[in-house]
């Protein structure tokens, strides 16, 4: 079993090139009690600029941060911690954040995640990629989940650093990162690569989780591996669904998240250089 889990974990990593890993690793904030904590800055934009470093961070859960971690994060001067998790997730794993950082709860679409009945039924649906494809293509919660994040980015006059996260730092967080990078003018291939880099950052954690999923939910290793993986098809499905419904990502950002041309330009001015 252990060898099989390691094998499928390596398959997940294989979707992330060594070049991507090296590039992404330069953004990592190494912590003892959290994984997938990284800067999404440094990416080039289509207009020849690049996303500023030290302002936009993404992460997995923050409930097991050590004192040393908190000291390191305090040095990043993060103003807001946007938490996409639902109330059950938060109750069992409350955030640890430095003094001076304000946590903002954005649980839309995650209200029942972590509930005992929810978890009991998970095993019935987590049998194929269609489970996550469905999650990535249900746009209904996006407006309530992500509009406050963009509003804060726009009202952040001093461009103070911000952090956003969920439990794994993959799905809800991955969509947020994709939308932010798109709004700042980063090309889609780079956006997908940033998303897939989660496979690198979560490689050890995923191996543990895959073992738990096979044990408690009766999933085979391949299915569990697919569900824990950050596959390009997942985030691409979000973009495809948006385009099918709104015609373009730009139209979606304007109609649903309130990001007109003026606000997009304001974001670019604040977070690119």
Protein backbone atom coordinates (compact mmCIF):
# COMPACT_ATOMS: atom_id res chain seq x y z
CA UNK A 1 0.00 0.00 0.00
CA UNK A 2 2.74 2.47 0.95
CA UNK A 3 4.57 1.89 -2.33
CA UNK A 4 1.37 2.33 -4.33
CA UNK A 5 0.60 5.61 -2.59
CA UNK A 6 4.12 6.84 -3.30
CA UNK A 7 3.77 5.76 -6.94
CA UNK A 8 0.55 7.72 -7.46
CA UNK A 9 2.01 10.72 -5.63
CA UNK A 10 4.88 10.70 -8.12
CA UNK A 11 2.39 10.61 -10.98
CA UNK A 12 0.78 13.78 -9.60
CA UNK A 13 4.14 15.47 -9.39
CA UNK A 14 4.98 14.46 -12.96
CA UNK A 15 2.36 16.91 -14.23
CA UNK A 16 4.51 19.70 -12.80
CA UNK A 17 7.74 20.17 -14.75
CA UNK A 18 11.08 20.58 -13.04
CA UNK A 19 11.23 24.12 -14.41
CA UNK A 20 7.88 24.89 -12.80
CA UNK A 21 9.04 23.39 -9.51
CA UNK A 22 12.23 25.43 -9.48
CA UNK A 23 10.32 28.58 -10.36
CA UNK A 24 7.59 27.97 -7.81
CA UNK A 25 9.99 26.88 -5.07
CA UNK A 26 11.51 30.36 -5.10
CA UNK A 27 8.12 31.65 -3.90
CA UNK A 28 7.69 29.20 -1.04
CA UNK A 29 7.47 30.36 2.56
CA UNK A 30 8.85 27.32 4.37
CA UNK A 31 6.89 26.61 7.54
CA UNK A 32 6.91 23.82 10.09
CA UNK A 33 3.14 23.67 10.56
CA UNK A 34 1.64 24.51 7.16
CA UNK A 35 2.13 23.51 3.53
CA UNK A 36 1.56 25.18 0.18
CA UNK A 37 2.22 28.64 1.64
CA UNK A 38 3.61 30.67 -1.24
CA UNK A 39 3.83 34.01 -2.96
CA UNK A 40 1.93 34.26 -6.25
CA UNK A 41 4.01 37.23 -7.34
CA UNK A 42 6.84 37.25 -9.84
CA UNK A 43 4.80 36.03 -12.80
CA UNK A 44 5.10 38.00 -16.04
CA UNK A 45 1.99 39.62 -17.46
CA UNK A 46 0.93 39.84 -21.08
CA UNK A 47 1.68 43.59 -21.16
CA UNK A 48 5.33 43.11 -20.23
CA UNK A 49 5.12 43.73 -16.52
CA UNK A 50 5.16 41.26 -13.63
CA UNK A 51 3.10 40.65 -10.50
CA UNK A 52 4.76 42.22 -7.47
CA UNK A 53 6.32 39.89 -4.94
CA UNK A 54 5.52 40.08 -1.24
CA UNK A 55 1.89 41.13 -1.57
CA UNK A 56 -0.27 38.12 -2.47
CA UNK A 57 0.06 34.81 -0.63
CA UNK A 58 -1.86 31.55 -0.85
CA UNK A 59 -1.79 28.64 1.58
CA UNK A 60 -3.37 25.52 3.00
CA UNK A 61 -4.74 25.36 6.57
CA UNK A 62 -3.05 27.45 9.27
CA UNK A 63 -4.22 25.64 12.40
CA UNK A 64 -0.94 23.87 13.19
CA UNK A 65 1.47 26.78 12.83
CA UNK A 66 4.31 26.78 15.34
CA UNK A 67 5.55 29.81 17.28
CA UNK A 68 8.45 29.99 14.85
CA UNK A 69 5.98 29.98 11.94
CA UNK A 70 3.99 32.81 13.46
CA UNK A 71 7.15 34.84 13.90
CA UNK A 72 8.10 34.24 10.26
CA UNK A 73 4.61 35.14 9.00
CA UNK A 74 4.55 38.24 11.19
CA UNK A 75 7.60 39.37 9.25
CA UNK A 76 5.53 39.31 6.06
CA UNK A 77 3.24 42.01 7.52
CA UNK A 78 0.08 40.37 6.22
CA UNK A 79 -2.92 42.64 6.70
CA UNK A 80 -5.78 40.25 5.96
CA UNK A 81 -6.24 36.48 6.15
CA UNK A 82 -9.10 35.46 3.83
CA UNK A 83 -10.41 32.06 4.94
CA UNK A 84 -12.59 30.21 2.41
CA UNK A 85 -13.41 27.30 4.75
CA UNK A 86 -16.87 26.56 6.14
CA UNK A 87 -17.86 26.71 9.84
CA UNK A 88 -17.27 23.00 10.49
CA UNK A 89 -13.77 23.19 9.07
CA UNK A 90 -13.00 26.31 11.07
CA UNK A 91 -14.32 24.83 14.31
CA UNK A 92 -12.11 21.76 14.10
CA UNK A 93 -9.05 23.62 12.81
CA UNK A 94 -9.13 27.33 13.76
CA UNK A 95 -6.56 29.60 12.15
CA UNK A 96 -3.46 30.68 13.99
CA UNK A 97 -2.43 34.11 12.74
CA UNK A 98 -0.05 36.80 13.98
CA UNK A 99 -1.25 39.74 16.02
CA UNK A 100 -2.15 42.52 13.64
CA UNK A 101 -3.55 40.25 10.94
CA UNK A 102 -7.33 40.32 10.53
CA UNK A 103 -9.11 37.11 9.58
CA UNK A 104 -12.04 37.46 7.15
CA UNK A 105 -14.39 34.48 6.77
CA UNK A 106 -15.68 33.77 3.25
CA UNK A 107 -17.48 30.39 3.58
CA UNK A 108 -19.78 30.60 0.53
CA UNK A 109 -20.14 27.15 -1.00
CA UNK A 110 -18.45 25.49 1.98
CA UNK A 111 -21.21 25.75 4.54
CA UNK A 112 -21.48 21.96 4.98
CA UNK A 113 -17.89 20.91 4.33
CA UNK A 114 -16.62 18.95 7.29
CA UNK A 115 -20.06 18.18 8.70
CA UNK A 116 -20.39 14.52 9.73
CA UNK A 117 -23.19 13.86 7.22
CA UNK A 118 -21.24 15.59 4.49
CA UNK A 119 -18.19 13.48 5.17
CA UNK A 120 -20.30 10.33 5.36
CA UNK A 121 -21.69 10.96 1.89
CA UNK A 122 -18.35 11.96 0.40
CA UNK A 123 -17.37 8.37 -0.24
CA UNK A 124 -20.37 7.92 -2.53
CA UNK A 125 -19.37 10.75 -4.84
CA UNK A 126 -15.57 10.76 -4.75
CA UNK A 127 -15.30 7.94 -7.25
CA UNK A 128 -14.13 9.85 -10.29
CA UNK A 129 -12.84 13.18 -11.54
CA UNK A 130 -16.44 14.22 -12.14
CA UNK A 131 -16.75 15.04 -8.43
CA UNK A 132 -14.12 17.77 -8.63
CA UNK A 133 -15.10 18.85 -12.13
CA UNK A 134 -18.54 19.53 -10.69
CA UNK A 135 -17.04 21.50 -7.80
CA UNK A 136 -14.95 23.63 -10.15
CA UNK A 137 -17.85 24.38 -12.50
CA UNK A 138 -20.57 25.37 -10.03
CA UNK A 139 -20.15 29.13 -10.24
CA UNK A 140 -22.94 30.08 -7.81
CA UNK A 141 -20.77 30.55 -4.69
CA UNK A 142 -17.97 32.38 -6.47
CA UNK A 143 -19.53 35.84 -6.23
CA UNK A 144 -19.96 35.75 -2.44
CA UNK A 145 -16.67 33.93 -1.93
CA UNK A 146 -14.42 36.10 -4.08
CA UNK A 147 -15.99 39.56 -4.40
CA UNK A 148 -14.95 40.63 -0.86
CA UNK A 149 -11.41 39.49 -1.66
CA UNK A 150 -11.22 41.65 -4.77
CA UNK A 151 -12.93 44.55 -2.98
CA UNK A 152 -10.22 44.43 -0.32
CA UNK A 153 -7.50 44.32 -2.94
CA UNK A 154 -8.99 47.42 -4.51
CA UNK A 155 -9.41 49.32 -1.24
CA UNK A 156 -5.94 48.37 -0.02
CA UNK A 157 -4.45 51.80 -0.69
CA UNK A 158 -1.01 50.98 0.66
CA UNK A 159 -0.94 47.59 -1.11
CA UNK A 160 -0.36 45.76 2.16
CA UNK A 161 0.27 42.00 1.90
CA UNK A 162 -2.74 39.66 1.96
CA UNK A 163 -3.21 35.92 2.36
CA UNK A 164 -6.02 33.63 1.21
CA UNK A 165 -6.46 29.95 1.99
CA UNK A 166 -8.74 26.95 2.49
CA UNK A 167 -7.95 23.51 3.94
CA UNK A 168 -5.71 22.00 1.26
CA UNK A 169 -4.89 25.27 -0.46
CA UNK A 170 -5.87 23.64 -3.75
CA UNK A 171 -9.48 24.04 -4.86
CA UNK A 172 -11.12 27.15 -3.40
CA UNK A 173 -7.71 28.75 -3.06
CA UNK A 174 -6.65 27.61 -6.53
CA UNK A 175 -9.67 29.24 -8.14
CA UNK A 176 -9.01 32.47 -6.23
CA UNK A 177 -5.38 32.54 -7.38
CA UNK A 178 -6.43 31.85 -10.97
CA UNK A 179 -8.93 34.71 -11.01
CA UNK A 180 -6.49 37.15 -9.39
CA UNK A 181 -3.67 36.29 -11.77
CA UNK A 182 -6.03 36.52 -14.75
CA UNK A 183 -7.25 39.96 -13.62
CA UNK A 184 -3.63 41.10 -13.34
CA UNK A 185 -2.93 40.02 -16.92
CA UNK A 186 -1.04 36.75 -16.44
CA UNK A 187 -1.45 34.29 -19.34
CA UNK A 188 -3.49 31.14 -18.83
CA UNK A 189 -0.62 28.67 -19.24
CA UNK A 190 1.21 30.34 -16.35
CA UNK A 191 -2.00 30.37 -14.30
CA UNK A 192 -2.42 26.64 -14.87
CA UNK A 193 1.21 26.02 -13.92
CA UNK A 194 0.78 27.94 -10.67
CA UNK A 195 -2.26 25.78 -9.95
CA UNK A 196 -0.44 22.52 -10.74
CA UNK A 197 2.50 23.52 -8.54
CA UNK A 198 0.30 22.51 -5.59
CA UNK A 199 1.24 18.93 -6.46
CA UNK A 200 4.83 19.79 -5.58
CA UNK A 201 4.06 21.65 -2.37
CA UNK A 202 1.60 19.03 -1.11
CA UNK A 203 3.51 15.93 -2.21
CA UNK A 204 4.15 14.64 1.31
CA UNK A 205 0.79 15.73 2.70
CA UNK A 206 -1.02 14.19 -0.26
CA UNK A 207 0.65 10.84 0.31
CA UNK A 208 -0.67 10.80 3.89
CA UNK A 209 -4.14 11.91 2.83
CA UNK A 210 -4.36 9.32 0.06
CA UNK A 211 -3.64 6.61 2.61
CA UNK A 212 -6.41 7.94 4.87
CA UNK A 213 -8.89 8.12 2.00
CA UNK A 214 -8.26 4.53 0.98
CA UNK A 215 -8.62 3.43 4.59
CA UNK A 216 -11.68 5.39 5.70
CA UNK A 217 -13.59 5.94 2.43
CA UNK A 218 -12.72 2.71 0.66
CA UNK A 219 -11.33 4.49 -2.39
CA UNK A 220 -8.70 2.91 -4.57
CA UNK A 221 -5.32 4.67 -4.70
CA UNK A 222 -5.79 5.99 -8.23
CA UNK A 223 -9.11 7.65 -7.43
CA UNK A 224 -7.81 9.11 -4.18
CA UNK A 225 -4.72 10.36 -5.99
CA UNK A 226 -6.81 12.07 -8.67
CA UNK A 227 -8.98 13.76 -6.06
CA UNK A 228 -6.00 15.08 -4.13
CA UNK A 229 -4.19 16.18 -7.26
CA UNK A 230 -4.19 19.63 -8.79
CA UNK A 231 -4.94 18.62 -12.37
CA UNK A 232 -4.98 21.21 -15.11
CA UNK A 233 -8.36 19.85 -16.25
CA UNK A 234 -9.97 21.03 -13.01
CA UNK A 235 -9.03 24.70 -13.19
CA UNK A 236 -9.47 24.69 -16.99
CA UNK A 237 -13.03 23.50 -16.40
CA UNK A 238 -13.69 26.64 -14.36
CA UNK A 239 -12.49 28.87 -17.17
CA UNK A 240 -14.38 26.86 -19.79
CA UNK A 241 -17.62 27.08 -17.80
CA UNK A 242 -17.23 30.82 -17.33
CA UNK A 243 -16.64 31.34 -21.05
CA UNK A 244 -19.59 29.14 -21.99
CA UNK A 245 -21.92 31.17 -19.79
CA UNK A 246 -20.50 34.70 -20.08
CA UNK A 247 -18.58 34.68 -23.34
CA UNK A 248 -15.26 35.63 -21.73
CA UNK A 249 -13.48 35.72 -18.39
CA UNK A 250 -13.35 39.52 -18.61
CA UNK A 251 -17.11 39.75 -18.96
CA UNK A 252 -17.55 37.44 -15.97
CA UNK A 253 -15.19 39.51 -13.83
CA UNK A 254 -17.17 42.64 -14.68
CA UNK A 255 -20.70 41.26 -14.37
CA UNK A 256 -20.26 39.03 -11.33
CA UNK A 257 -17.29 40.41 -9.40
CA UNK A 258 -17.75 44.06 -10.31
CA UNK A 259 -14.35 44.42 -11.95
CA UNK A 260 -14.84 46.93 -14.73
CA UNK A 261 -11.96 48.26 -16.83
CA UNK A 262 -11.20 51.03 -14.35
CA UNK A 263 -10.96 48.60 -11.44
CA UNK A 264 -8.84 46.15 -13.42
CA UNK A 265 -6.43 48.96 -14.24
CA UNK A 266 -6.36 49.95 -10.57
CA UNK A 267 -5.50 46.38 -9.59
CA UNK A 268 -2.72 46.25 -12.15
CA UNK A 269 -1.30 49.55 -10.98
CA UNK A 270 -1.22 48.36 -7.36
CA UNK A 271 -0.03 44.77 -7.83
CA UNK A 272 2.15 44.77 -10.96
CA UNK A 273 5.33 46.57 -11.84
